[in-house]
Amino acid sequence: MMSIYDLADYKFNHSPTYSIGFTLNISENQYAISKNSFEAAKKRHEIINCFQKICLDIFKAALNGELPSAILHWLLNETPESVGLQYHRSLQDKHYTIPVFYRTDESSMGKLTEIQCPGSLWGELQFLHDYFCKKSCVGNQISPAVNFSKQLERFLGRKPIVHHLLDNASSPHGMRYFIEQTSQWIDYCFIKKGIKPRNCNFIRTHSFFGLCAENHFKERIEKAGDTIKFDFPPHVLFDQKATLVLPFWSLTRSLFSDDIRNILNYSTPLLPSGIAMQDGQTLSIEAFSNLPRSKRRYYLKYAGSDVSINWGSKAVYRLSNDSREKCLARLTNCLKRFEKGEIWLLQKEDVQNDEIEYYDKKTGHLHTENLRAKFSSFYGPYALIGILAMHRDHNKVHGQDGTAVISHIKPSD
């Protein structure tokens, strides 16, 4: 007869039941790219890390008062005082790290619009790898779960014991699936028996503010770099889009190489002094708004640290869709709060459309459509882990339920 404790253990160990399921449509075939493009994606890891390290050096110099105050204003923007200037000045060098695992958003292959740590869709990446393995399409590509686990163990120099904070993940169901798929190599806090927060040597989160709000943060920050490492660094720099303008902004451009600029979509800060265009001229917001729509092919994006609007394709506007009057009103409204720390950037539009075959999840029918593309490359501390291609009948391709088309990428012959 089952004891009350056996029953309680069974109920708690088998209690997670979900009804969300896989929310995206799946393509008929893998998205094939050339071997050269696949190799270029692998090589971008080094360029992205170089970009992140330079951004970090700029941030530290700005905090120390070694750079124009406009740079510090841009990078700290709306960060709350409790984790603002004094907090960041109190951090030690061991806290100023770059993201360990991250995901890109690319408007066309190799043209980055954002970099997120760790980003969502890791579980979807894993599932599609397994799915195409069963279809005998993948070949000898290593599983993302295995690749992730091996890179993490190498990074830590010991078996990973992970506390993954999921409360601020945009797609927690997919991340839970990825946790399950890696749990044979990784011990997870509150999942494996006996693993407590104090045992963990690697902390994962999807938000700087979520990291700071966790109740073990203060003791972990003391142990950082020694017994504990953070996936998402314990500073605000990489929890915003503000860094995207640095390789192009006149105040910081000279610190970056052309190799870095070549992988990023042109991005420029929206400033009271005007908008610096890619051709070198600076336009007032009135002059920019009066341009023909064909020359206003930019996205206006919130660039700051306010978590409520800097995720999930929120506060992103395609300015070529606006009339001249609406464009001017939008830019004027954004600039009203600039002095208080609210920052926005303009990012040059870059698009790629593909003809894709996919199965509609609701009907099961196979469809062929010409859709807008977005690519995401997933990286660890040492190498590329995988790539996803996503397609949607909309300018914003962000994995919206039931509307995106998603496929695992393989290099073609």
Protein backbone atom coordinates (compact mmCIF):
# COMPACT_ATOMS: atom_id res chain seq x y z
CA MET A 1 0.00 0.00 0.00
CA MET A 2 1.36 3.44 -0.96
CA SER A 3 2.31 5.56 2.06
CA ILE A 4 1.21 9.16 2.34
CA TYR A 5 4.78 10.25 1.59
CA ASP A 6 5.06 8.02 -1.47
CA LEU A 7 1.80 9.50 -2.67
CA ALA A 8 2.96 13.05 -1.96
CA ASP A 9 6.28 12.45 -3.74
CA TYR A 10 4.51 10.95 -6.74
CA LYS A 11 2.01 13.79 -6.98
CA PHE A 12 4.65 16.52 -6.74
CA ASN A 13 7.10 14.80 -9.09
CA HIS A 14 4.42 14.33 -11.75
CA SER A 15 2.45 17.53 -11.22
CA PRO A 16 3.73 19.68 -14.13
CA THR A 17 1.11 19.31 -16.84
CA TYR A 18 0.88 21.81 -19.67
CA SER A 19 -1.68 22.53 -22.35
CA ILE A 20 0.22 25.14 -24.37
CA GLY A 21 1.91 22.71 -26.73
CA PHE A 22 4.04 23.66 -29.71
CA THR A 23 2.58 26.99 -30.84
CA LEU A 24 4.25 27.38 -34.22
CA ASN A 25 3.75 25.92 -37.67
CA ILE A 26 6.43 23.54 -38.94
CA SER A 27 7.90 23.59 -42.42
CA GLU A 28 7.83 20.60 -44.72
CA ASN A 29 11.61 20.67 -45.20
CA GLN A 30 14.64 22.09 -43.48
CA TYR A 31 15.73 25.53 -44.56
CA ALA A 32 18.89 24.95 -46.55
CA ILE A 33 21.71 27.47 -46.76
CA SER A 34 25.06 27.22 -48.48
CA LYS A 35 28.04 25.76 -46.66
CA ASN A 36 29.71 29.17 -46.95
CA SER A 37 26.77 30.84 -45.18
CA PHE A 38 26.82 28.19 -42.47
CA GLU A 39 30.55 28.66 -41.94
CA ALA A 40 30.02 32.44 -41.82
CA ALA A 41 27.43 31.96 -39.06
CA LYS A 42 29.98 29.95 -37.09
CA LYS A 43 32.62 32.65 -37.55
CA ARG A 44 30.22 35.40 -36.44
CA HIS A 45 30.51 34.08 -32.89
CA GLU A 46 33.95 35.66 -32.56
CA ILE A 47 32.80 38.96 -34.11
CA ILE A 48 29.75 39.17 -31.83
CA ASN A 49 31.87 38.50 -28.76
CA CYS A 50 34.27 41.23 -29.87
CA PHE A 51 31.33 43.63 -30.27
CA GLN A 52 30.06 42.77 -26.78
CA LYS A 53 33.48 43.24 -25.18
CA ILE A 54 33.95 46.66 -26.77
CA CYS A 55 30.46 47.71 -25.62
CA LEU A 56 31.39 46.57 -22.12
CA ASP A 57 34.63 48.60 -22.17
CA ILE A 58 32.65 51.66 -23.28
CA PHE A 59 30.12 51.16 -20.49
CA LYS A 60 32.81 50.85 -17.83
CA ALA A 61 34.65 53.91 -19.13
CA ALA A 62 31.40 55.91 -19.18
CA LEU A 63 30.65 54.85 -15.59
CA ASN A 64 34.11 56.09 -14.60
CA GLY A 65 33.50 59.48 -16.22
CA GLU A 66 36.12 58.90 -18.92
CA LEU A 67 33.75 59.47 -21.86
CA PRO A 68 31.23 62.18 -22.78
CA SER A 69 28.26 62.20 -20.40
CA ALA A 70 25.92 61.64 -23.36
CA ILE A 71 27.17 58.05 -23.60
CA LEU A 72 26.40 57.29 -19.95
CA HIS A 73 22.99 58.93 -20.32
CA TRP A 74 22.33 56.68 -23.32
CA LEU A 75 23.48 53.43 -21.70
CA LEU A 76 21.95 53.90 -18.23
CA ASN A 77 18.81 55.66 -19.53
CA GLU A 78 15.77 54.61 -17.44
CA THR A 79 17.51 52.11 -15.19
CA PRO A 80 16.02 52.50 -11.68
CA GLU A 81 18.19 54.21 -9.10
CA SER A 82 18.36 51.08 -6.91
CA VAL A 83 20.40 49.33 -9.62
CA GLY A 84 21.60 52.48 -11.39
CA LEU A 85 24.79 54.50 -11.25
CA GLN A 86 25.93 53.71 -7.71
CA TYR A 87 25.14 50.03 -8.06
CA HIS A 88 27.13 49.73 -11.27
CA ARG A 89 30.06 51.70 -9.86
CA SER A 90 30.14 49.31 -6.90
CA LEU A 91 30.61 46.26 -9.13
CA GLN A 92 34.02 44.68 -9.53
CA ASP A 93 35.73 43.62 -12.75
CA LYS A 94 34.61 40.02 -12.17
CA HIS A 95 31.00 41.17 -12.54
CA TYR A 96 31.55 42.86 -15.91
CA THR A 97 31.21 39.84 -18.14
CA ILE A 98 29.54 39.31 -21.51
CA PRO A 99 26.60 36.92 -22.04
CA VAL A 100 27.53 33.23 -22.06
CA PHE A 101 24.64 31.83 -24.14
CA TYR A 102 22.70 34.09 -26.50
CA ARG A 103 20.47 34.20 -29.56
CA THR A 104 20.52 36.61 -32.46
CA ASP A 105 17.66 38.04 -34.50
CA GLU A 106 18.65 38.46 -38.15
CA SER A 107 16.52 40.17 -40.80
CA SER A 108 18.48 38.30 -43.46
CA MET A 109 21.16 35.71 -42.93
CA GLY A 110 24.08 37.41 -41.19
CA LYS A 111 22.43 40.81 -40.73
CA LEU A 112 21.72 41.20 -37.01
CA THR A 113 18.94 43.35 -35.60
CA GLU A 114 19.23 42.21 -31.97
CA ILE A 115 21.18 39.93 -29.60
CA GLN A 116 19.36 38.44 -26.61
CA CYS A 117 20.70 36.52 -23.61
CA PRO A 118 19.73 33.76 -23.58
CA GLY A 119 16.65 34.47 -25.70
CA SER A 120 13.69 32.17 -26.22
CA LEU A 121 13.15 29.27 -28.67
CA TRP A 122 15.89 26.95 -27.34
CA GLY A 123 13.31 24.21 -26.78
CA GLU A 124 11.85 24.71 -30.23
CA LEU A 125 15.35 24.46 -31.71
CA GLN A 126 15.86 21.14 -29.90
CA PHE A 127 12.49 19.70 -30.92
CA LEU A 128 13.01 20.52 -34.59
CA HIS A 129 16.45 18.95 -34.54
CA ASP A 130 14.90 15.75 -33.17
CA TYR A 131 12.02 15.94 -35.65
CA PHE A 132 14.26 16.25 -38.68
CA CYS A 133 16.53 13.53 -37.28
CA LYS A 134 13.56 11.18 -37.41
CA LYS A 135 12.99 12.25 -41.01
CA SER A 136 16.68 11.42 -41.66
CA CYS A 137 17.32 15.00 -42.77
CA VAL A 138 19.86 16.19 -40.22
CA GLY A 139 22.81 13.87 -40.77
CA ASN A 140 25.53 13.95 -38.13
CA GLN A 141 24.75 17.37 -36.62
CA ILE A 142 25.14 17.37 -32.85
CA SER A 143 21.98 17.84 -30.81
CA PRO A 144 21.54 21.39 -29.43
CA ALA A 145 20.95 19.92 -25.95
CA VAL A 146 24.20 17.94 -26.09
CA ASN A 147 26.12 20.89 -27.56
CA PHE A 148 24.77 23.25 -24.92
CA SER A 149 25.59 20.86 -22.07
CA LYS A 150 29.13 20.14 -23.27
CA GLN A 151 29.94 23.82 -23.76
CA LEU A 152 28.56 24.69 -20.33
CA GLU A 153 30.58 21.96 -18.59
CA ARG A 154 33.72 23.13 -20.40
CA PHE A 155 32.98 26.75 -19.43
CA LEU A 156 32.52 25.88 -15.75
CA GLY A 157 35.27 23.26 -15.57
CA ARG A 158 32.94 20.96 -13.64
CA LYS A 159 29.48 19.46 -13.80
CA PRO A 160 26.86 22.19 -14.28
CA ILE A 161 24.44 22.78 -11.42
CA VAL A 162 21.99 25.33 -12.75
CA HIS A 163 19.35 27.63 -11.31
CA HIS A 164 17.25 28.77 -14.26
CA LEU A 165 14.90 31.64 -13.37
CA LEU A 166 11.94 31.28 -15.72
CA ASP A 167 9.55 33.86 -14.28
CA ASN A 168 10.61 36.46 -16.85
CA ALA A 169 11.03 34.22 -19.91
CA SER A 170 8.85 35.22 -22.86
CA SER A 171 8.24 31.55 -23.78
CA PRO A 172 8.74 29.56 -20.55
CA HIS A 173 7.11 26.41 -21.94
CA GLY A 174 9.83 26.08 -24.58
CA MET A 175 12.56 26.70 -22.02
CA ARG A 176 11.05 24.04 -19.72
CA TYR A 177 11.25 21.58 -22.58
CA PHE A 178 14.91 22.46 -23.14
CA ILE A 179 15.61 22.00 -19.42
CA GLU A 180 14.12 18.52 -19.61
CA GLN A 181 16.20 17.69 -22.68
CA THR A 182 19.46 18.74 -20.99
CA SER A 183 18.72 17.34 -17.51
CA GLN A 184 20.60 14.08 -18.10
CA TRP A 185 23.84 16.10 -18.21
CA ILE A 186 22.91 19.07 -16.01
CA ASP A 187 21.55 19.16 -12.45
CA TYR A 188 18.78 21.76 -12.12
CA CYS A 189 17.75 23.48 -8.92
CA PHE A 190 14.22 22.57 -7.73
CA ILE A 191 14.05 19.81 -10.36
CA LYS A 192 16.61 17.25 -9.19
CA LYS A 193 16.34 16.01 -5.61
CA GLY A 194 18.89 17.55 -3.26
CA ILE A 195 19.81 20.48 -5.50
CA LYS A 196 19.26 23.75 -3.63
CA PRO A 197 20.04 27.35 -4.69
CA ARG A 198 23.23 27.33 -2.58
CA ASN A 199 24.54 24.35 -4.61
CA CYS A 200 24.26 26.08 -7.99
CA ASN A 201 27.32 27.16 -9.96
CA PHE A 202 25.53 28.67 -12.99
CA ILE A 203 22.65 31.14 -12.85
CA ARG A 204 20.38 31.68 -15.84
CA THR A 205 17.74 34.38 -16.29
CA HIS A 206 16.04 36.28 -19.10
CA SER A 207 16.27 39.72 -17.51
CA PHE A 208 18.78 41.74 -15.53
CA PHE A 209 15.97 42.95 -13.27
CA GLY A 210 14.77 39.39 -12.68
CA LEU A 211 18.30 38.46 -11.68
CA CYS A 212 18.51 41.31 -9.17
CA ALA A 213 15.10 40.51 -7.71
CA GLU A 214 15.99 36.88 -6.92
CA ASN A 215 16.38 36.33 -3.19
CA HIS A 216 19.88 34.80 -3.39
CA PHE A 217 21.29 37.56 -5.62
CA LYS A 218 23.33 39.42 -3.00
CA GLU A 219 25.16 36.35 -1.78
CA ARG A 220 25.69 35.16 -5.34
CA ILE A 221 27.13 38.48 -6.46
CA GLU A 222 29.79 38.08 -3.77
CA LYS A 223 30.77 34.65 -5.12
CA ALA A 224 30.66 35.64 -8.79
CA GLY A 225 33.60 34.48 -10.85
CA ASP A 226 34.70 31.96 -8.26
CA THR A 227 32.12 29.36 -7.34
CA ILE A 228 29.29 30.97 -9.33
CA LYS A 229 29.01 32.25 -12.89
CA PHE A 230 26.13 34.17 -14.44
CA ASP A 231 24.72 33.46 -17.89
CA PHE A 232 23.09 36.91 -18.02
CA PRO A 233 25.70 39.28 -16.51
CA PRO A 234 24.75 41.16 -13.32
CA HIS A 235 24.70 44.54 -15.07
CA VAL A 236 22.13 46.26 -17.27
CA LEU A 237 24.14 46.76 -20.46
CA PHE A 238 22.86 43.75 -22.38
CA ASP A 239 19.23 43.99 -21.28
CA GLN A 240 18.45 46.68 -23.84
CA LYS A 241 18.95 47.65 -27.48
CA ALA A 242 21.09 50.68 -26.63
CA THR A 243 24.34 48.95 -27.61
CA LEU A 244 23.21 48.53 -31.23
CA VAL A 245 23.96 52.17 -32.09
CA LEU A 246 27.49 52.24 -30.65
CA PRO A 247 29.34 50.98 -33.76
CA PHE A 248 27.67 53.71 -35.86
CA TRP A 249 27.36 56.66 -33.45
CA SER A 250 29.90 59.44 -34.00
CA LEU A 251 30.85 59.37 -30.30
CA THR A 252 31.87 55.71 -30.34
CA ARG A 253 32.19 54.64 -33.98
CA SER A 254 36.01 54.72 -34.06
CA LEU A 255 36.20 52.00 -31.40
CA PHE A 256 34.61 49.36 -33.66
CA SER A 257 35.86 47.58 -36.76
CA ASP A 258 34.13 47.35 -40.11
CA ASP A 259 33.78 43.60 -39.50
CA ILE A 260 31.46 44.42 -36.60
CA ARG A 261 29.51 47.05 -38.54
CA ASN A 262 29.07 44.63 -41.45
CA ILE A 263 27.09 42.12 -39.39
CA LEU A 264 24.74 44.72 -37.85
CA ASN A 265 21.82 46.57 -39.38
CA TYR A 266 22.60 50.27 -39.38
CA SER A 267 21.21 51.76 -36.14
CA THR A 268 21.29 55.37 -35.02
CA PRO A 269 20.11 57.10 -31.82
CA LEU A 270 17.10 59.38 -31.91
CA LEU A 271 18.56 62.55 -30.40
CA PRO A 272 17.31 66.12 -29.89
CA SER A 273 20.10 67.20 -32.26
CA GLY A 274 18.64 65.10 -35.07
CA ILE A 275 19.02 61.77 -36.83
CA ALA A 276 22.39 60.71 -38.26
CA MET A 277 21.70 58.97 -41.56
CA GLN A 278 23.82 56.20 -43.02
CA ASP A 279 25.11 58.50 -45.79
CA GLY A 280 26.64 60.83 -43.19
CA GLN A 281 24.13 63.69 -43.18
CA THR A 282 22.15 64.61 -40.07
CA LEU A 283 18.47 65.40 -40.48
CA SER A 284 16.07 67.10 -38.11
CA ILE A 285 13.02 65.02 -37.24
CA GLU A 286 10.98 67.38 -39.45
CA ALA A 287 13.28 66.80 -42.41
CA PHE A 288 13.32 63.06 -41.85
CA SER A 289 9.51 62.92 -41.62
CA ASN A 290 9.23 64.83 -44.90
CA LEU A 291 11.26 62.23 -46.78
CA PRO A 292 9.31 60.02 -49.18
CA ARG A 293 8.24 56.72 -47.60
CA SER A 294 10.76 54.91 -49.80
CA LYS A 295 13.56 56.80 -47.99
CA ARG A 296 12.01 56.31 -44.55
CA ARG A 297 12.60 52.57 -44.49
CA TYR A 298 13.59 52.48 -40.86
CA TYR A 299 12.18 50.85 -37.76
CA LEU A 300 11.77 53.04 -34.70
CA LYS A 301 12.59 50.94 -31.63
CA TYR A 302 12.56 51.60 -27.91
CA ALA A 303 16.21 51.14 -26.91
CA GLY A 304 16.17 51.44 -23.12
CA SER A 305 15.95 49.17 -20.10
CA ASP A 306 12.21 49.32 -19.31
CA VAL A 307 11.36 45.62 -19.44
CA SER A 308 7.66 46.28 -19.99
CA ILE A 309 8.29 47.57 -23.51
CA ASN A 310 11.69 46.32 -24.68
CA TRP A 311 10.65 42.72 -25.37
CA GLY A 312 8.60 40.73 -27.82
CA SER A 313 8.38 43.19 -30.70
CA LYS A 314 6.76 45.81 -28.46
CA ALA A 315 7.52 49.50 -29.09
CA VAL A 316 8.70 48.76 -32.64
CA TYR A 317 7.28 50.88 -35.48
CA ARG A 318 7.88 50.76 -39.23
CA LEU A 319 8.25 54.42 -40.14
CA SER A 320 7.70 53.87 -43.85
CA ASN A 321 4.12 52.89 -42.99
CA ASP A 322 3.45 56.30 -41.45
CA SER A 323 2.26 59.44 -43.16
CA ARG A 324 4.59 62.42 -42.82
CA GLU A 325 2.39 63.88 -40.11
CA LYS A 326 2.16 60.65 -38.15
CA CYS A 327 5.91 60.01 -38.45
CA LEU A 328 6.71 63.49 -37.10
CA ALA A 329 4.22 63.12 -34.25
CA ARG A 330 5.71 59.75 -33.31
CA LEU A 331 9.30 61.03 -33.28
CA THR A 332 8.31 64.18 -31.40
CA ASN A 333 6.52 62.16 -28.76
CA CYS A 334 9.55 59.89 -28.25
CA LEU A 335 11.91 62.84 -27.85
CA LYS A 336 9.74 64.48 -25.19
CA ARG A 337 11.05 62.04 -22.58
CA PHE A 338 14.66 61.84 -23.75
CA GLU A 339 16.06 64.04 -20.97
CA LYS A 340 14.34 61.82 -18.40
CA GLY A 341 16.15 58.81 -19.83
CA GLU A 342 13.71 57.32 -22.35
CA ILE A 343 15.73 56.46 -25.45
CA TRP A 344 14.78 55.32 -28.95
CA LEU A 345 16.78 54.29 -31.99
CA LEU A 346 16.15 54.08 -35.70
CA GLN A 347 17.26 50.89 -37.44
CA LYS A 348 17.57 50.55 -41.20
CA GLU A 349 15.05 48.14 -42.67
CA ASP A 350 16.47 44.97 -44.20
CA VAL A 351 14.10 42.32 -45.54
CA GLN A 352 14.17 38.86 -47.04
CA ASN A 353 11.18 36.96 -48.38
CA ASP A 354 11.16 33.22 -49.11
CA GLU A 355 8.72 30.74 -50.57
CA ILE A 356 8.05 28.26 -47.78
CA GLU A 357 6.10 25.02 -47.50
CA TYR A 358 4.60 24.44 -44.08
CA TYR A 359 1.89 22.50 -42.32
CA ASP A 360 -0.88 24.58 -40.78
CA LYS A 361 -1.22 23.36 -37.20
CA LYS A 362 -4.99 23.96 -37.07
CA THR A 363 -5.89 22.14 -40.27
CA GLY A 364 -2.88 19.91 -40.94
CA HIS A 365 -2.88 21.08 -44.56
CA LEU A 366 0.32 21.83 -46.45
CA HIS A 367 0.61 25.45 -47.58
CA THR A 368 3.08 27.20 -49.88
CA GLU A 369 3.45 30.93 -49.34
CA ASN A 370 5.89 33.76 -49.90
CA LEU A 371 6.66 35.04 -46.40
CA ARG A 372 8.92 37.46 -44.55
CA ALA A 373 11.98 35.80 -43.01
CA LYS A 374 13.83 36.10 -39.72
CA PHE A 375 16.80 33.99 -38.69
CA SER A 376 18.10 33.25 -35.22
CA SER A 377 21.53 31.84 -34.48
CA PHE A 378 22.08 30.26 -31.06
CA TYR A 379 25.55 30.53 -29.53
CA GLY A 380 27.37 29.22 -26.48
CA PRO A 381 30.65 30.37 -24.96
CA TYR A 382 32.69 28.55 -27.60
CA ALA A 383 30.65 27.91 -30.72
CA LEU A 384 27.44 28.04 -32.71
CA ILE A 385 24.77 25.67 -31.38
CA GLY A 386 22.08 25.91 -34.04
CA ILE A 387 20.05 28.15 -36.34
CA LEU A 388 16.32 28.61 -36.85
CA ALA A 389 14.54 30.16 -39.79
CA MET A 390 11.18 31.75 -39.07
CA HIS A 391 8.68 33.09 -41.61
CA ARG A 392 5.48 35.03 -41.26
CA ASP A 393 3.03 37.04 -43.36
CA HIS A 394 3.92 40.22 -41.48
CA ASN A 395 6.82 42.65 -41.12
CA LYS A 396 7.33 41.61 -37.48
CA VAL A 397 8.51 38.02 -37.31
CA HIS A 398 8.77 37.11 -33.65
CA GLY A 399 7.30 33.66 -33.13
CA GLN A 400 3.72 34.77 -32.55
CA ASP A 401 1.41 31.85 -31.75
CA GLY A 402 0.06 30.04 -34.76
CA THR A 403 1.33 32.54 -37.31
CA ALA A 404 5.06 31.94 -37.64
CA VAL A 405 6.62 29.22 -39.72
CA ILE A 406 9.69 27.68 -38.23
CA SER A 407 12.29 25.26 -39.53
CA HIS A 408 15.65 23.93 -38.48
CA ILE A 409 18.51 24.97 -40.77
CA LYS A 410 21.02 22.68 -42.42
CA PRO A 411 23.93 23.50 -44.72
CA SER A 412 23.34 22.39 -48.29
CA ASP A 413 25.90 20.73 -50.56
